[in-house]
C-alpha atoms as a PDB file:
ATOM      1  CA  MET A   1       0.000   0.000   0.000  1.00  0.00           C
ATOM      2  CA  GLN A   2       1.185   3.490  -0.819  1.00  0.00           C
ATOM      3  CA  ILE A   3      -0.243   6.942  -1.388  1.00  0.00           C
ATOM      4  CA  ILE A   4      -0.395   8.329  -4.909  1.00  0.00           C
ATOM      5  CA  ASN A   5      -2.141  11.647  -5.603  1.00  0.00           C
ATOM      6  CA  HIS A   6      -3.401  11.683  -1.990  1.00  0.00           C
ATOM      7  CA  LYS A   7      -5.129   8.310  -2.381  1.00  0.00           C
ATOM      8  CA  LEU A   8      -4.176   4.922  -0.978  1.00  0.00           C
ATOM      9  CA  THR A   9      -3.454   2.251  -3.569  1.00  0.00           C
ATOM     10  CA  GLY A  10      -4.650  -1.334  -3.375  1.00  0.00           C
ATOM     11  CA  ILE A  11      -7.804  -0.600  -1.385  1.00  0.00           C
ATOM     12  CA  LYS A  12     -11.472   0.093  -2.070  1.00  0.00           C
ATOM     13  CA  HIS A  13     -12.466   3.665  -2.877  1.00  0.00           C
ATOM     14  CA  GLY A  14     -15.900   4.946  -1.971  1.00  0.00           C
ATOM     15  CA  PHE A  15     -17.158   8.470  -2.442  1.00  0.00           C
ATOM     16  CA  SER A  16     -18.490  11.126  -0.168  1.00  0.00           C
ATOM     17  CA  PRO A  17     -19.569  14.571  -1.316  1.00  0.00           C
ATOM     18  CA  ASN A  18     -18.960  15.811   2.245  1.00  0.00           C
ATOM     19  CA  PHE A  19     -15.601  17.474   1.832  1.00  0.00           C
ATOM     20  CA  ASP A  20     -14.118  20.695   0.559  1.00  0.00           C
ATOM     21  CA  GLU A  21     -10.769  22.404   0.098  1.00  0.00           C
ATOM     22  CA  ARG A  22      -8.415  22.832   3.030  1.00  0.00           C
ATOM     23  CA  PRO A  23      -7.539  26.451   3.891  1.00  0.00           C
ATOM     24  CA  ASP A  24      -3.859  25.453   3.560  1.00  0.00           C
ATOM     25  CA  PRO A  25      -3.396  22.247   1.526  1.00  0.00           C
ATOM     26  CA  GLY A  26       0.094  21.732   2.955  1.00  0.00           C
ATOM     27  CA  ASP A  27      -1.104  21.869   6.554  1.00  0.00           C
ATOM     28  CA  ILE A  28      -1.839  18.212   7.254  1.00  0.00           C
ATOM     29  CA  ALA A  29      -0.665  18.062  10.854  1.00  0.00           C
ATOM     30  CA  LEU A  30      -3.045  15.809  12.814  1.00  0.00           C
ATOM     31  CA  LEU A  31      -4.484  12.284  12.639  1.00  0.00           C
ATOM     32  CA  VAL A  32      -7.811  11.768  14.398  1.00  0.00           C
ATOM     33  CA  LEU A  33      -9.115   8.293  15.219  1.00  0.00           C
ATOM     34  CA  HIS A  34     -12.859   7.728  15.437  1.00  0.00           C
ATOM     35  CA  CYS A  35     -15.239   4.813  15.701  1.00  0.00           C
ATOM     36  CA  ILE A  36     -18.613   4.297  14.091  1.00  0.00           C
ATOM     37  CA  SER A  37     -21.292   1.638  13.941  1.00  0.00           C
ATOM     38  CA  LEU A  38     -24.631   1.874  12.176  1.00  0.00           C
ATOM     39  CA  PRO A  39     -27.109   1.169  13.588  1.00  0.00           C
ATOM     40  CA  PRO A  40     -25.364   1.665  16.943  1.00  0.00           C
ATOM     41  CA  ASN A  41     -23.571  -1.483  18.124  1.00  0.00           C
ATOM     42  CA  GLU A  42     -24.163  -3.324  14.831  1.00  0.00           C
ATOM     43  CA  PHE A  43     -21.448  -4.153  12.319  1.00  0.00           C
ATOM     44  CA  GLY A  44     -21.084  -5.297   8.747  1.00  0.00           C
ATOM     45  CA  ALA A  45     -23.851  -3.547   6.814  1.00  0.00           C
ATOM     46  CA  ASP A  46     -23.308  -0.797   4.240  1.00  0.00           C
ATOM     47  CA  TYR A  47     -24.967   1.927   6.319  1.00  0.00           C
ATOM     48  CA  ILE A  48     -21.690   3.775   6.975  1.00  0.00           C
ATOM     49  CA  ASP A  49     -21.095   4.004   3.223  1.00  0.00           C
ATOM     50  CA  ARG A  50     -24.613   5.342   2.784  1.00  0.00           C
ATOM     51  CA  LEU A  51     -24.218   7.875   5.606  1.00  0.00           C
ATOM     52  CA  PHE A  52     -21.029   9.270   4.067  1.00  0.00           C
ATOM     53  CA  ALA A  53     -22.741   9.401   0.631  1.00  0.00           C
ATOM     54  CA  ASN A  54     -25.853  11.186   2.022  1.00  0.00           C
ATOM     55  CA  GLN A  55     -27.972   8.162   1.062  1.00  0.00           C
ATOM     56  CA  LEU A  56     -29.060   6.840   4.450  1.00  0.00           C
ATOM     57  CA  ASN A  57     -32.752   5.924   4.396  1.00  0.00           C
ATOM     58  CA  PRO A  58     -34.463   7.175   7.591  1.00  0.00           C
ATOM     59  CA  ALA A  59     -37.155   4.504   7.275  1.00  0.00           C
ATOM     60  CA  GLU A  60     -34.687   1.610   7.605  1.00  0.00           C
ATOM     61  CA  HIS A  61     -34.005   2.076  11.333  1.00  0.00           C
ATOM     62  CA  PRO A  62     -35.363   4.442  14.013  1.00  0.00           C
ATOM     63  CA  TYR A  63     -31.856   5.765  14.743  1.00  0.00           C
ATOM     64  CA  PHE A  64     -31.441   6.789  11.118  1.00  0.00           C
ATOM     65  CA  GLU A  65     -34.329   9.246  11.490  1.00  0.00           C
ATOM     66  CA  THR A  66     -32.085  11.317  13.770  1.00  0.00           C
ATOM     67  CA  ILE A  67     -28.940  11.278  11.602  1.00  0.00           C
ATOM     68  CA  HIS A  68     -29.911  10.863   7.951  1.00  0.00           C
ATOM     69  CA  GLN A  69     -29.587  14.585   7.188  1.00  0.00           C
ATOM     70  CA  ILE A  70     -26.167  15.205   8.715  1.00  0.00           C
ATOM     71  CA  LYS A  71     -23.307  15.792   6.318  1.00  0.00           C
ATOM     72  CA  VAL A  72     -20.270  13.875   7.549  1.00  0.00           C
ATOM     73  CA  SER A  73     -17.375  11.936   6.108  1.00  0.00           C
ATOM     74  CA  ALA A  74     -13.979  10.559   6.936  1.00  0.00           C
ATOM     75  CA  HIS A  75     -10.920  10.115   4.832  1.00  0.00           C
ATOM     76  CA  VAL A  76     -10.750   6.397   5.605  1.00  0.00           C
ATOM     77  CA  LEU A  77     -12.870   3.662   7.198  1.00  0.00           C
ATOM     78  CA  ILE A  78     -11.379   0.400   8.435  1.00  0.00           C
ATOM     79  CA  ARG A  79     -14.044  -2.281   8.782  1.00  0.00           C
ATOM     80  CA  ARG A  80     -13.884  -5.026  11.400  1.00  0.00           C
ATOM     81  CA  SER A  81     -12.858  -7.417   8.608  1.00  0.00           C
ATOM     82  CA  GLY A  82      -9.825  -5.234   7.862  1.00  0.00           C
ATOM     83  CA  GLU A  83     -11.252  -3.848   4.633  1.00  0.00           C
ATOM     84  CA  ILE A  84     -10.023  -0.307   4.053  1.00  0.00           C
ATOM     85  CA  ILE A  85     -12.227   2.183   2.219  1.00  0.00           C
ATOM     86  CA  GLN A  86     -11.123   5.705   1.338  1.00  0.00           C
ATOM     87  CA  TYR A  87     -13.883   8.277   0.827  1.00  0.00           C
ATOM     88  CA  VAL A  88     -11.977  11.567   0.602  1.00  0.00           C
ATOM     89  CA  PRO A  89      -8.483  12.279  -0.775  1.00  0.00           C
ATOM     90  CA  PHE A  90      -6.067  13.235   1.999  1.00  0.00           C
ATOM     91  CA  ASP A  91      -5.395  16.706   0.573  1.00  0.00           C
ATOM     92  CA  LYS A  92      -9.101  17.596   0.952  1.00  0.00           C
ATOM     93  CA  ARG A  93     -10.940  18.552   4.146  1.00  0.00           C
ATOM     94  CA  ALA A  94     -13.247  15.724   5.228  1.00  0.00           C
ATOM     95  CA  TRP A  95     -16.017  16.616   7.669  1.00  0.00           C
ATOM     96  CA  HIS A  96     -15.211  14.302  10.565  1.00  0.00           C
ATOM     97  CA  ALA A  97     -14.215  16.308  13.645  1.00  0.00           C
ATOM     98  CA  GLY A  98     -16.959  18.889  14.141  1.00  0.00           C
ATOM     99  CA  PRO A  99     -16.323  21.569  16.766  1.00  0.00           C
ATOM    100  CA  SER A 100     -12.827  20.703  17.965  1.00  0.00           C
ATOM    101  CA  LEU A 101      -9.601  21.986  19.498  1.00  0.00           C
ATOM    102  CA  TYR A 102      -6.078  20.538  19.392  1.00  0.00           C
ATOM    103  CA  GLN A 103      -3.131  22.224  21.101  1.00  0.00           C
ATOM    104  CA  GLY A 104      -4.752  25.636  20.820  1.00  0.00           C
ATOM    105  CA  ARG A 105      -5.876  25.186  17.219  1.00  0.00           C
ATOM    106  CA  SER A 106      -9.604  25.065  16.543  1.00  0.00           C
ATOM    107  CA  HIS A 107     -11.431  23.677  13.501  1.00  0.00           C
ATOM    108  CA  CYS A 108      -9.400  20.459  13.380  1.00  0.00           C
ATOM    109  CA  ASN A 109     -10.957  19.405  10.057  1.00  0.00           C
ATOM    110  CA  ASP A 110      -8.837  22.146   8.476  1.00  0.00           C
ATOM    111  CA  PHE A 111      -5.554  20.390   9.257  1.00  0.00           C
ATOM    112  CA  SER A 112      -6.375  16.772  10.065  1.00  0.00           C
ATOM    113  CA  ILE A 113      -6.991  13.392   8.526  1.00  0.00           C
ATOM    114  CA  GLY A 114      -9.925  11.434   9.970  1.00  0.00           C
ATOM    115  CA  ILE A 115      -9.806   7.648  10.223  1.00  0.00           C
ATOM    116  CA  GLU A 116     -12.928   5.762  11.278  1.00  0.00           C
ATOM    117  CA  LEU A 117     -12.808   2.282  12.759  1.00  0.00           C
ATOM    118  CA  GLU A 118     -15.960   0.214  12.487  1.00  0.00           C
ATOM    119  CA  GLY A 119     -16.696  -0.386  16.128  1.00  0.00           C
ATOM    120  CA  THR A 120     -17.877   1.084  19.397  1.00  0.00           C
ATOM    121  CA  GLU A 121     -16.159   2.642  22.354  1.00  0.00           C
ATOM    122  CA  THR A 122     -16.685  -0.477  24.494  1.00  0.00           C
ATOM    123  CA  VAL A 123     -16.262  -3.465  22.133  1.00  0.00           C
ATOM    124  CA  PRO A 124     -12.660  -4.520  21.472  1.00  0.00           C
ATOM    125  CA  TYR A 125     -11.424  -3.782  17.971  1.00  0.00           C
ATOM    126  CA  THR A 126     -10.187  -6.669  15.823  1.00  0.00           C
ATOM    127  CA  GLU A 127      -6.558  -7.626  15.390  1.00  0.00           C
ATOM    128  CA  ILE A 128      -6.786  -7.050  11.634  1.00  0.00           C
ATOM    129  CA  GLN A 129      -8.163  -3.542  12.235  1.00  0.00           C
ATOM    130  CA  TYR A 130      -5.084  -2.660  14.294  1.00  0.00           C
ATOM    131  CA  ARG A 131      -2.763  -4.081  11.642  1.00  0.00           C
ATOM    132  CA  GLN A 132      -4.521  -2.251   8.826  1.00  0.00           C
ATOM    133  CA  LEU A 133      -4.662   0.950  10.856  1.00  0.00           C
ATOM    134  CA  ALA A 134      -0.921   0.754  11.517  1.00  0.00           C
ATOM    135  CA  ALA A 135      -0.288   0.164   7.797  1.00  0.00           C
ATOM    136  CA  VAL A 136      -2.396   3.185   6.804  1.00  0.00           C
ATOM    137  CA  ILE A 137      -0.777   5.404   9.443  1.00  0.00           C
ATOM    138  CA  THR A 138       2.706   4.298   8.356  1.00  0.00           C
ATOM    139  CA  CYS A 139       1.879   5.390   4.792  1.00  0.00           C
ATOM    140  CA  LEU A 140       0.560   8.708   6.076  1.00  0.00           C
ATOM    141  CA  PHE A 141       3.718   9.322   8.149  1.00  0.00           C
ATOM    142  CA  GLU A 142       5.827   8.672   5.053  1.00  0.00           C
ATOM    143  CA  GLN A 143       3.767  10.967   2.818  1.00  0.00           C
ATOM    144  CA  TYR A 144       2.964  13.899   5.106  1.00  0.00           C
ATOM    145  CA  PRO A 145       5.994  15.195   7.050  1.00  0.00           C
ATOM    146  CA  LEU A 146       3.990  17.054   9.724  1.00  0.00           C
ATOM    147  CA  LEU A 147       2.432  13.787  10.919  1.00  0.00           C
ATOM    148  CA  SER A 148       3.994  11.602  13.602  1.00  0.00           C
ATOM    149  CA  LYS A 149       2.964   9.482  16.568  1.00  0.00           C
ATOM    150  CA  ASP A 150       2.897  12.753  18.514  1.00  0.00           C
ATOM    151  CA  THR A 151       0.162  14.120  16.236  1.00  0.00           C
ATOM    152  CA  LEU A 152      -2.060  11.042  16.537  1.00  0.00           C
ATOM    153  CA  THR A 153      -5.110  11.504  18.764  1.00  0.00           C
ATOM    154  CA  GLY A 154      -8.644  10.377  19.410  1.00  0.00           C
ATOM    155  CA  HIS A 155     -11.838  12.249  18.655  1.00  0.00           C
ATOM    156  CA  SER A 156     -12.432  12.343  22.422  1.00  0.00           C
ATOM    157  CA  ASP A 157      -9.219  14.338  22.860  1.00  0.00           C
ATOM    158  CA  ILE A 158     -10.157  17.100  20.423  1.00  0.00           C
ATOM    159  CA  ALA A 159     -13.843  17.258  21.421  1.00  0.00           C
ATOM    160  CA  PRO A 160     -13.855  16.358  25.134  1.00  0.00           C
ATOM    161  CA  GLY A 161     -17.262  16.199  26.726  1.00  0.00           C
ATOM    162  CA  ARG A 162     -18.862  15.931  23.285  1.00  0.00           C
ATOM    163  CA  LYS A 163     -17.204  12.799  21.909  1.00  0.00           C
ATOM    164  CA  THR A 164     -15.873   9.603  23.490  1.00  0.00           C
ATOM    165  CA  ASP A 165     -14.392   7.729  20.528  1.00  0.00           C
ATOM    166  CA  PRO A 166     -12.381   5.688  19.820  1.00  0.00           C
ATOM    167  CA  GLY A 167     -13.175   4.801  23.431  1.00  0.00           C
ATOM    168  CA  ILE A 168     -11.981   2.671  26.288  1.00  0.00           C
ATOM    169  CA  ALA A 169     -11.832  -0.436  24.106  1.00  0.00           C
ATOM    170  CA  PHE A 170      -9.138   1.090  21.889  1.00  0.00           C
ATOM    171  CA  ASP A 171      -5.657  -0.221  22.716  1.00  0.00           C
ATOM    172  CA  TRP A 172      -3.271   2.676  22.087  1.00  0.00           C
ATOM    173  CA  ALA A 173      -0.264   0.639  23.285  1.00  0.00           C
ATOM    174  CA  LYS A 174      -1.002  -2.064  20.704  1.00  0.00           C
ATOM    175  CA  LEU A 175      -1.200   0.535  17.946  1.00  0.00           C
ATOM    176  CA  PHE A 176       2.083   2.177  18.978  1.00  0.00           C
ATOM    177  CA  ASP A 177       3.795  -1.254  19.125  1.00  0.00           C
ATOM    178  CA  LEU A 178       2.616  -2.023  15.595  1.00  0.00           C
ATOM    179  CA  LEU A 179       3.806   1.379  14.370  1.00  0.00           C
ATOM    180  CA  ALA A 180       7.216   0.718  15.920  1.00  0.00           C
ATOM    181  CA  GLU A 181       7.342  -2.677  14.166  1.00  0.00           C
ATOM    182  CA  ASN A 182       6.495  -1.032  10.837  1.00  0.00           C
ATOM    183  CA  LYS A 183       9.248   1.521  11.359  1.00  0.00           C
ATOM    184  CA  THR A 184      11.908  -1.148  11.913  1.00  0.00           C
ATOM    185  CA  ALA A 185      10.716  -3.471   9.146  1.00  0.00           C
END
Protein backbone atom coordinates (compact mmCIF):
# COMPACT_ATOMS: atom_id res chain seq x y z
CA MET A 1 0.00 0.00 0.00
CA GLN A 2 1.18 3.49 -0.82
CA ILE A 3 -0.24 6.94 -1.39
CA ILE A 4 -0.39 8.33 -4.91
CA ASN A 5 -2.14 11.65 -5.60
CA HIS A 6 -3.40 11.68 -1.99
CA LYS A 7 -5.13 8.31 -2.38
CA LEU A 8 -4.18 4.92 -0.98
CA THR A 9 -3.45 2.25 -3.57
CA GLY A 10 -4.65 -1.33 -3.37
CA ILE A 11 -7.80 -0.60 -1.38
CA LYS A 12 -11.47 0.09 -2.07
CA HIS A 13 -12.47 3.66 -2.88
CA GLY A 14 -15.90 4.95 -1.97
CA PHE A 15 -17.16 8.47 -2.44
CA SER A 16 -18.49 11.13 -0.17
CA PRO A 17 -19.57 14.57 -1.32
CA ASN A 18 -18.96 15.81 2.24
CA PHE A 19 -15.60 17.47 1.83
CA ASP A 20 -14.12 20.70 0.56
CA GLU A 21 -10.77 22.40 0.10
CA ARG A 22 -8.41 22.83 3.03
CA PRO A 23 -7.54 26.45 3.89
CA ASP A 24 -3.86 25.45 3.56
CA PRO A 25 -3.40 22.25 1.53
CA GLY A 26 0.09 21.73 2.96
CA ASP A 27 -1.10 21.87 6.55
CA ILE A 28 -1.84 18.21 7.25
CA ALA A 29 -0.66 18.06 10.85
CA LEU A 30 -3.04 15.81 12.81
CA LEU A 31 -4.48 12.28 12.64
CA VAL A 32 -7.81 11.77 14.40
CA LEU A 33 -9.12 8.29 15.22
CA HIS A 34 -12.86 7.73 15.44
CA CYS A 35 -15.24 4.81 15.70
CA ILE A 36 -18.61 4.30 14.09
CA SER A 37 -21.29 1.64 13.94
CA LEU A 38 -24.63 1.87 12.18
CA PRO A 39 -27.11 1.17 13.59
CA PRO A 40 -25.36 1.66 16.94
CA ASN A 41 -23.57 -1.48 18.12
CA GLU A 42 -24.16 -3.32 14.83
CA PHE A 43 -21.45 -4.15 12.32
CA GLY A 44 -21.08 -5.30 8.75
CA ALA A 45 -23.85 -3.55 6.81
CA ASP A 46 -23.31 -0.80 4.24
CA TYR A 47 -24.97 1.93 6.32
CA ILE A 48 -21.69 3.77 6.97
CA ASP A 49 -21.10 4.00 3.22
CA ARG A 50 -24.61 5.34 2.78
CA LEU A 51 -24.22 7.88 5.61
CA PHE A 52 -21.03 9.27 4.07
CA ALA A 53 -22.74 9.40 0.63
CA ASN A 54 -25.85 11.19 2.02
CA GLN A 55 -27.97 8.16 1.06
CA LEU A 56 -29.06 6.84 4.45
CA ASN A 57 -32.75 5.92 4.40
CA PRO A 58 -34.46 7.17 7.59
CA ALA A 59 -37.16 4.50 7.28
CA GLU A 60 -34.69 1.61 7.60
CA HIS A 61 -34.00 2.08 11.33
CA PRO A 62 -35.36 4.44 14.01
CA TYR A 63 -31.86 5.77 14.74
CA PHE A 64 -31.44 6.79 11.12
CA GLU A 65 -34.33 9.25 11.49
CA THR A 66 -32.08 11.32 13.77
CA ILE A 67 -28.94 11.28 11.60
CA HIS A 68 -29.91 10.86 7.95
CA GLN A 69 -29.59 14.59 7.19
CA ILE A 70 -26.17 15.21 8.72
CA LYS A 71 -23.31 15.79 6.32
CA VAL A 72 -20.27 13.88 7.55
CA SER A 73 -17.37 11.94 6.11
CA ALA A 74 -13.98 10.56 6.94
CA HIS A 75 -10.92 10.12 4.83
CA VAL A 76 -10.75 6.40 5.60
CA LEU A 77 -12.87 3.66 7.20
CA ILE A 78 -11.38 0.40 8.43
CA ARG A 79 -14.04 -2.28 8.78
CA ARG A 80 -13.88 -5.03 11.40
CA SER A 81 -12.86 -7.42 8.61
CA GLY A 82 -9.82 -5.23 7.86
CA GLU A 83 -11.25 -3.85 4.63
CA ILE A 84 -10.02 -0.31 4.05
CA ILE A 85 -12.23 2.18 2.22
CA GLN A 86 -11.12 5.70 1.34
CA TYR A 87 -13.88 8.28 0.83
CA VAL A 88 -11.98 11.57 0.60
CA PRO A 89 -8.48 12.28 -0.77
CA PHE A 90 -6.07 13.23 2.00
CA ASP A 91 -5.40 16.71 0.57
CA LYS A 92 -9.10 17.60 0.95
CA ARG A 93 -10.94 18.55 4.15
CA ALA A 94 -13.25 15.72 5.23
CA TRP A 95 -16.02 16.62 7.67
CA HIS A 96 -15.21 14.30 10.56
CA ALA A 97 -14.21 16.31 13.65
CA GLY A 98 -16.96 18.89 14.14
CA PRO A 99 -16.32 21.57 16.77
CA SER A 100 -12.83 20.70 17.96
CA LEU A 101 -9.60 21.99 19.50
CA TYR A 102 -6.08 20.54 19.39
CA GLN A 103 -3.13 22.22 21.10
CA GLY A 104 -4.75 25.64 20.82
CA ARG A 105 -5.88 25.19 17.22
CA SER A 106 -9.60 25.07 16.54
CA HIS A 107 -11.43 23.68 13.50
CA CYS A 108 -9.40 20.46 13.38
CA ASN A 109 -10.96 19.41 10.06
CA ASP A 110 -8.84 22.15 8.48
CA PHE A 111 -5.55 20.39 9.26
CA SER A 112 -6.37 16.77 10.06
CA ILE A 113 -6.99 13.39 8.53
CA GLY A 114 -9.92 11.43 9.97
CA ILE A 115 -9.81 7.65 10.22
CA GLU A 116 -12.93 5.76 11.28
CA LEU A 117 -12.81 2.28 12.76
CA GLU A 118 -15.96 0.21 12.49
CA GLY A 119 -16.70 -0.39 16.13
CA THR A 120 -17.88 1.08 19.40
CA GLU A 121 -16.16 2.64 22.35
CA THR A 122 -16.68 -0.48 24.49
CA VAL A 123 -16.26 -3.47 22.13
CA PRO A 124 -12.66 -4.52 21.47
CA TYR A 125 -11.42 -3.78 17.97
CA THR A 126 -10.19 -6.67 15.82
CA GLU A 127 -6.56 -7.63 15.39
CA ILE A 128 -6.79 -7.05 11.63
CA GLN A 129 -8.16 -3.54 12.24
CA TYR A 130 -5.08 -2.66 14.29
CA ARG A 131 -2.76 -4.08 11.64
CA GLN A 132 -4.52 -2.25 8.83
CA LEU A 133 -4.66 0.95 10.86
CA ALA A 134 -0.92 0.75 11.52
CA ALA A 135 -0.29 0.16 7.80
CA VAL A 136 -2.40 3.19 6.80
CA ILE A 137 -0.78 5.40 9.44
CA THR A 138 2.71 4.30 8.36
CA CYS A 139 1.88 5.39 4.79
CA LEU A 140 0.56 8.71 6.08
CA PHE A 141 3.72 9.32 8.15
CA GLU A 142 5.83 8.67 5.05
CA GLN A 143 3.77 10.97 2.82
CA TYR A 144 2.96 13.90 5.11
CA PRO A 145 5.99 15.19 7.05
CA LEU A 146 3.99 17.05 9.72
CA LEU A 147 2.43 13.79 10.92
CA SER A 148 3.99 11.60 13.60
CA LYS A 149 2.96 9.48 16.57
CA ASP A 150 2.90 12.75 18.51
CA THR A 151 0.16 14.12 16.24
CA LEU A 152 -2.06 11.04 16.54
CA THR A 153 -5.11 11.50 18.76
CA GLY A 154 -8.64 10.38 19.41
CA HIS A 155 -11.84 12.25 18.66
CA SER A 156 -12.43 12.34 22.42
CA ASP A 157 -9.22 14.34 22.86
CA ILE A 158 -10.16 17.10 20.42
CA ALA A 159 -13.84 17.26 21.42
CA PRO A 160 -13.86 16.36 25.13
CA GLY A 161 -17.26 16.20 26.73
CA ARG A 162 -18.86 15.93 23.28
CA LYS A 163 -17.20 12.80 21.91
CA THR A 164 -15.87 9.60 23.49
CA ASP A 165 -14.39 7.73 20.53
CA PRO A 166 -12.38 5.69 19.82
CA GLY A 167 -13.18 4.80 23.43
CA ILE A 168 -11.98 2.67 26.29
CA ALA A 169 -11.83 -0.44 24.11
CA PHE A 170 -9.14 1.09 21.89
CA ASP A 171 -5.66 -0.22 22.72
CA TRP A 172 -3.27 2.68 22.09
CA ALA A 173 -0.26 0.64 23.28
CA LYS A 174 -1.00 -2.06 20.70
CA LEU A 175 -1.20 0.54 17.95
CA PHE A 176 2.08 2.18 18.98
CA ASP A 177 3.79 -1.25 19.13
CA LEU A 178 2.62 -2.02 15.60
CA LEU A 179 3.81 1.38 14.37
CA ALA A 180 7.22 0.72 15.92
CA GLU A 181 7.34 -2.68 14.17
CA ASN A 182 6.49 -1.03 10.84
CA LYS A 183 9.25 1.52 11.36
CA THR A 184 11.91 -1.15 11.91
CA ALA A 185 10.72 -3.47 9.15
